[in-house]
Amino acid sequence: MQLIFEITWKCPARCKFCTVPKGDVVMPLELYEKALTLFIDTDIDPELDLNAVLSGGEPTMLPFLYKYVRIAHSLGYNVTVVTNGFFPDTAINSGADLIEVSVDYWGERHEKNRGVKGLWRKITYLLENAENVVIRATLLNDNFEDIIKIHEAYPDIPLFVMPVRGYIYNARKEDLEKLSTLENVYVADNCPAGISSFVIAPGLDPEKELDVLACIYYRKLLGRLREFTKDELDKILEEGRKIPRFPCEQK
């Protein structure tokens, strides 16, 4: 079970393909903890590992990122921080079990795409100094050679490539096939949206409620957590089960 928390919508980057709203919103720790607890208390599948993914926006914009990690750990969750590397030491010092660094292009091209000068230097610092790090790349229609170059520069760091299907930028089949043959490269080939993976984001009133969405790309609202009750979550899970697999491909 993977819960992707958009703990803030603050972000210095201006990525062309980003689906997340921009703003100064920060998810209150109290609501975050309530959501984590609710998913534990609801018997979805006791055999599933519980994973909290701290995303955004850019989570390292919050100097108290470690507090979100600490709360999730106290409830038995494994914790991943997904970052563009803007404040690398904040990610390293967060105490997360895993740091996922989002990299789509090589060098200055990546900085231009993200709209952040100096970002590449921060990324390389993070990749070379974090012990528990992986690279996450979004395969677009113009960055295959860049992803190959990233992998060649850091062959010992696992590289996760997504998305495989649908979405606004359709990857070429031959690129996907080539990437899937490389050692230490993992190409996503399933769709857990609304089944075993949920996005939890600030709601209409960010101080009082949270929205539960199907996916970071397919941002269908499944429901809102206002009272943080089992009934609310059951309705959300029911809506999630209605979503077809790979909904991004639906016309």
Protein backbone atom coordinates (compact mmCIF):
# COMPACT_ATOMS: atom_id res chain seq x y z
CA MET A 1 0.00 0.00 0.00
CA GLN A 2 1.51 3.28 -1.12
CA LEU A 3 0.28 6.64 0.13
CA ILE A 4 1.76 9.56 -1.80
CA PHE A 5 1.47 12.71 0.30
CA GLU A 6 1.75 16.07 -1.40
CA ILE A 7 2.88 17.65 1.85
CA THR A 8 3.45 21.00 0.18
CA TRP A 9 2.73 22.68 -3.14
CA LYS A 10 5.73 24.97 -2.73
CA CYS A 11 8.24 24.37 -5.52
CA PRO A 12 10.95 26.48 -7.15
CA ALA A 13 10.75 24.52 -10.42
CA ARG A 14 8.56 25.20 -13.44
CA CYS A 15 8.34 21.81 -15.14
CA LYS A 16 6.30 21.78 -18.35
CA PHE A 17 4.67 18.44 -17.61
CA CYS A 18 3.91 18.93 -13.89
CA THR A 19 0.31 18.20 -12.88
CA VAL A 20 0.56 19.47 -9.30
CA PRO A 21 -0.92 22.87 -8.34
CA LYS A 22 1.48 25.63 -7.32
CA GLY A 23 1.17 27.60 -4.11
CA ASP A 24 2.37 28.08 -0.54
CA VAL A 25 0.12 25.38 0.87
CA VAL A 26 1.64 23.07 3.50
CA MET A 27 -0.17 19.98 4.79
CA PRO A 28 -0.66 20.25 8.57
CA LEU A 29 1.15 17.55 10.52
CA GLU A 30 -2.05 16.78 12.43
CA LEU A 31 -4.04 15.98 9.27
CA TYR A 32 -1.13 14.02 7.84
CA GLU A 33 -0.96 11.84 10.94
CA LYS A 34 -4.74 11.32 10.91
CA ALA A 35 -4.59 10.06 7.32
CA LEU A 36 -1.71 7.69 8.07
CA THR A 37 -3.58 6.31 11.07
CA LEU A 38 -6.83 5.90 9.15
CA PHE A 39 -5.25 3.68 6.50
CA ILE A 40 -3.69 1.52 9.23
CA ASP A 41 -6.97 1.14 11.09
CA THR A 42 -8.87 0.16 7.94
CA ASP A 43 -8.27 -3.49 7.14
CA ILE A 44 -7.51 -3.12 3.42
CA ASP A 45 -4.98 -5.94 3.30
CA PRO A 46 -2.92 -6.71 6.41
CA GLU A 47 -0.31 -8.48 4.26
CA LEU A 48 0.60 -5.30 2.35
CA ASP A 49 3.63 -3.28 3.39
CA LEU A 50 2.78 0.31 4.30
CA ASN A 51 4.72 2.95 2.39
CA ALA A 52 4.46 6.71 2.83
CA VAL A 53 5.89 8.72 -0.05
CA LEU A 54 6.56 12.38 0.76
CA SER A 55 6.21 14.43 -2.38
CA GLY A 56 4.99 17.83 -3.47
CA GLY A 57 5.60 20.33 -4.82
CA GLU A 58 9.09 20.01 -3.46
CA PRO A 59 9.21 18.49 0.04
CA THR A 60 12.71 19.78 0.81
CA MET A 61 11.24 23.28 0.82
CA LEU A 62 10.10 22.36 4.34
CA PRO A 63 13.01 22.53 6.83
CA PHE A 64 10.95 20.34 9.19
CA LEU A 65 10.61 17.54 6.63
CA TYR A 66 12.08 15.17 9.20
CA LYS A 67 8.92 15.57 11.31
CA TYR A 68 6.78 13.99 8.58
CA VAL A 69 9.28 11.14 8.32
CA ARG A 70 9.35 10.63 12.08
CA ILE A 71 5.54 10.47 12.37
CA ALA A 72 5.24 7.89 9.59
CA HIS A 73 8.01 5.78 11.10
CA SER A 74 6.30 5.84 14.48
CA LEU A 75 3.21 4.31 12.84
CA GLY A 76 5.14 1.56 11.07
CA TYR A 77 5.44 3.03 7.58
CA ASN A 78 8.46 2.84 5.32
CA VAL A 79 9.18 6.37 4.09
CA THR A 80 10.39 7.64 0.73
CA VAL A 81 11.17 11.28 -0.01
CA VAL A 82 10.71 12.28 -3.66
CA THR A 83 12.77 15.37 -4.44
CA ASN A 84 14.11 17.44 -7.31
CA GLY A 85 17.21 17.96 -5.16
CA PHE A 86 16.69 21.64 -4.43
CA PHE A 87 17.79 21.33 -0.78
CA PRO A 88 19.81 18.11 -0.84
CA ASP A 89 20.90 18.19 2.80
CA THR A 90 17.28 18.47 3.93
CA ALA A 91 16.56 15.23 2.08
CA ILE A 92 19.67 13.50 3.41
CA ASN A 93 18.96 14.56 7.01
CA SER A 94 15.24 13.73 6.88
CA GLY A 95 15.73 10.16 8.12
CA ALA A 96 13.81 8.69 5.17
CA ASP A 97 14.39 5.07 4.24
CA LEU A 98 14.76 6.03 0.58
CA ILE A 99 15.41 9.22 -1.37
CA GLU A 100 14.02 9.31 -4.90
CA VAL A 101 15.71 11.99 -7.02
CA SER A 102 13.67 13.17 -9.99
CA VAL A 103 15.94 13.62 -13.03
CA ASP A 104 14.72 13.77 -16.63
CA TYR A 105 17.54 15.35 -18.64
CA TRP A 106 21.30 15.68 -18.43
CA GLY A 107 23.09 18.76 -17.13
CA GLU A 108 22.05 22.21 -18.31
CA ARG A 109 19.22 20.72 -20.34
CA HIS A 110 17.67 19.43 -17.13
CA GLU A 111 18.06 22.86 -15.48
CA LYS A 112 16.38 24.52 -18.45
CA ASN A 113 13.49 22.06 -18.35
CA ARG A 114 13.00 22.58 -14.62
CA GLY A 115 13.63 26.32 -14.75
CA VAL A 116 16.14 26.25 -11.88
CA LYS A 117 19.69 27.42 -12.46
CA GLY A 118 22.26 25.45 -10.50
CA LEU A 119 19.95 22.49 -9.92
CA TRP A 120 22.25 19.98 -11.64
CA ARG A 121 25.05 20.66 -9.15
CA LYS A 122 22.64 19.99 -6.29
CA ILE A 123 21.44 16.78 -7.91
CA THR A 124 24.95 15.42 -8.37
CA TYR A 125 25.77 16.32 -4.75
CA LEU A 126 22.71 14.38 -3.58
CA LEU A 127 23.43 11.36 -5.78
CA GLU A 128 27.03 11.22 -4.58
CA ASN A 129 26.36 11.76 -0.86
CA ALA A 130 23.08 10.02 -0.04
CA GLU A 131 23.44 6.34 0.86
CA ASN A 132 19.81 5.39 0.28
CA VAL A 133 19.16 6.97 -3.11
CA VAL A 134 17.51 6.02 -6.39
CA ILE A 135 16.88 7.99 -9.58
CA ARG A 136 13.39 8.44 -10.96
CA ALA A 137 13.07 9.54 -14.58
CA THR A 138 9.93 10.34 -16.51
CA LEU A 139 10.39 9.02 -20.03
CA LEU A 140 9.17 11.72 -22.40
CA ASN A 141 9.31 11.85 -26.18
CA ASP A 142 12.65 13.67 -26.30
CA ASN A 143 14.81 12.49 -23.40
CA PHE A 144 15.77 8.88 -24.13
CA GLU A 145 19.44 9.73 -24.81
CA ASP A 146 19.56 11.84 -21.64
CA ILE A 147 18.28 8.94 -19.53
CA ILE A 148 20.91 6.66 -21.06
CA LYS A 149 23.60 9.21 -20.20
CA ILE A 150 22.34 9.48 -16.60
CA HIS A 151 22.44 5.71 -16.24
CA GLU A 152 25.95 5.50 -17.70
CA ALA A 153 27.16 8.16 -15.25
CA TYR A 154 25.57 6.46 -12.23
CA PRO A 155 25.31 2.75 -13.12
CA ASP A 156 25.27 1.61 -9.49
CA ILE A 157 22.25 3.73 -8.57
CA PRO A 158 18.90 2.08 -9.38
CA LEU A 159 17.03 3.97 -12.10
CA PHE A 160 13.24 3.81 -12.14
CA VAL A 161 11.57 4.92 -15.37
CA MET A 162 7.95 6.10 -15.54
CA PRO A 163 5.33 6.45 -16.88
CA VAL A 164 5.17 3.67 -19.41
CA ARG A 165 1.73 4.21 -20.86
CA GLY A 166 -0.64 7.04 -21.55
CA TYR A 167 -0.22 10.55 -20.14
CA ILE A 168 0.49 13.63 -22.25
CA TYR A 169 3.94 12.59 -23.49
CA ASN A 170 3.86 9.15 -25.11
CA ALA A 171 7.14 7.27 -24.92
CA ARG A 172 8.35 5.34 -27.95
CA LYS A 173 8.00 1.57 -27.70
CA GLU A 174 11.55 0.97 -28.86
CA ASP A 175 12.90 3.27 -26.12
CA LEU A 176 10.99 1.37 -23.46
CA GLU A 177 12.25 -1.96 -24.77
CA LYS A 178 15.87 -0.77 -24.78
CA LEU A 179 15.64 0.61 -21.24
CA SER A 180 14.08 -2.59 -19.93
CA THR A 181 17.18 -4.56 -21.03
CA LEU A 182 19.65 -2.45 -19.03
CA GLU A 183 21.03 -3.64 -15.73
CA ASN A 184 19.79 -1.74 -12.66
CA VAL A 185 17.06 0.00 -14.72
CA TYR A 186 13.43 -0.68 -13.81
CA VAL A 187 10.60 0.26 -16.14
CA ALA A 188 7.14 0.57 -14.55
CA ASP A 189 4.66 -1.75 -16.23
CA ASN A 190 1.64 -1.77 -13.95
CA CYS A 191 -1.01 0.68 -12.76
CA PRO A 192 -1.89 0.63 -9.05
CA ALA A 193 -3.93 3.88 -9.22
CA GLY A 194 -6.84 3.79 -6.79
CA ILE A 195 -6.17 0.17 -5.84
CA SER A 196 -2.95 0.02 -3.84
CA SER A 197 -1.68 3.54 -4.47
CA PHE A 198 -3.34 6.82 -3.55
CA VAL A 199 -2.35 10.48 -3.67
CA ILE A 200 -3.28 12.51 -0.59
CA ALA A 201 -3.25 16.24 -1.19
CA PRO A 202 -4.41 19.43 0.52
CA GLY A 203 -8.17 19.90 0.22
CA LEU A 204 -10.37 22.90 -0.50
CA ASP A 205 -9.75 23.99 3.08
CA PRO A 206 -6.13 22.89 3.56
CA GLU A 207 -6.29 23.38 7.33
CA LYS A 208 -9.26 21.04 7.78
CA GLU A 209 -9.46 18.45 5.01
CA LEU A 210 -7.45 16.34 2.60
CA ASP A 211 -8.26 15.18 -0.93
CA VAL A 212 -7.60 11.61 -2.00
CA LEU A 213 -6.72 11.26 -5.70
CA ALA A 214 -6.13 8.23 -7.89
CA CYS A 215 -2.65 9.09 -9.18
CA ILE A 216 -0.12 11.90 -9.55
CA TYR A 217 -0.87 11.93 -13.28
CA TYR A 218 -4.52 10.86 -13.35
CA ARG A 219 -5.76 13.27 -10.70
CA LYS A 220 -9.29 11.96 -10.36
CA LEU A 221 -10.80 12.94 -7.01
CA LEU A 222 -11.87 9.78 -5.19
CA GLY A 223 -13.13 11.59 -2.11
CA ARG A 224 -12.30 13.91 0.76
CA LEU A 225 -11.19 13.22 4.30
CA ARG A 226 -12.98 15.63 6.60
CA GLU A 227 -13.85 13.56 9.66
CA PHE A 228 -11.19 10.91 8.97
CA THR A 229 -13.63 8.07 9.49
CA LYS A 230 -13.77 4.52 8.16
CA ASP A 231 -16.96 5.39 6.23
CA GLU A 232 -15.15 8.17 4.36
CA LEU A 233 -12.28 5.86 3.49
CA ASP A 234 -14.56 2.99 2.44
CA LYS A 235 -16.28 5.26 -0.08
CA ILE A 236 -12.89 6.38 -1.40
CA LEU A 237 -11.73 2.79 -1.82
CA GLU A 238 -14.97 1.93 -3.61
CA GLU A 239 -14.39 4.77 -6.10
CA GLY A 240 -10.81 3.65 -6.59
CA ARG A 241 -11.91 0.14 -7.55
CA LYS A 242 -14.04 1.60 -10.36
CA ILE A 243 -11.05 3.09 -12.18
CA PRO A 244 -9.91 1.09 -15.24
CA ARG A 245 -6.25 0.14 -15.36
CA PHE A 246 -4.08 2.64 -17.21
CA PRO A 247 -6.82 5.30 -17.20
CA CYS A 248 -4.45 7.76 -18.90
CA GLU A 249 -4.94 5.72 -22.07
CA GLN A 250 -8.70 6.10 -21.99
CA LYS A 251 -9.94 8.42 -24.74
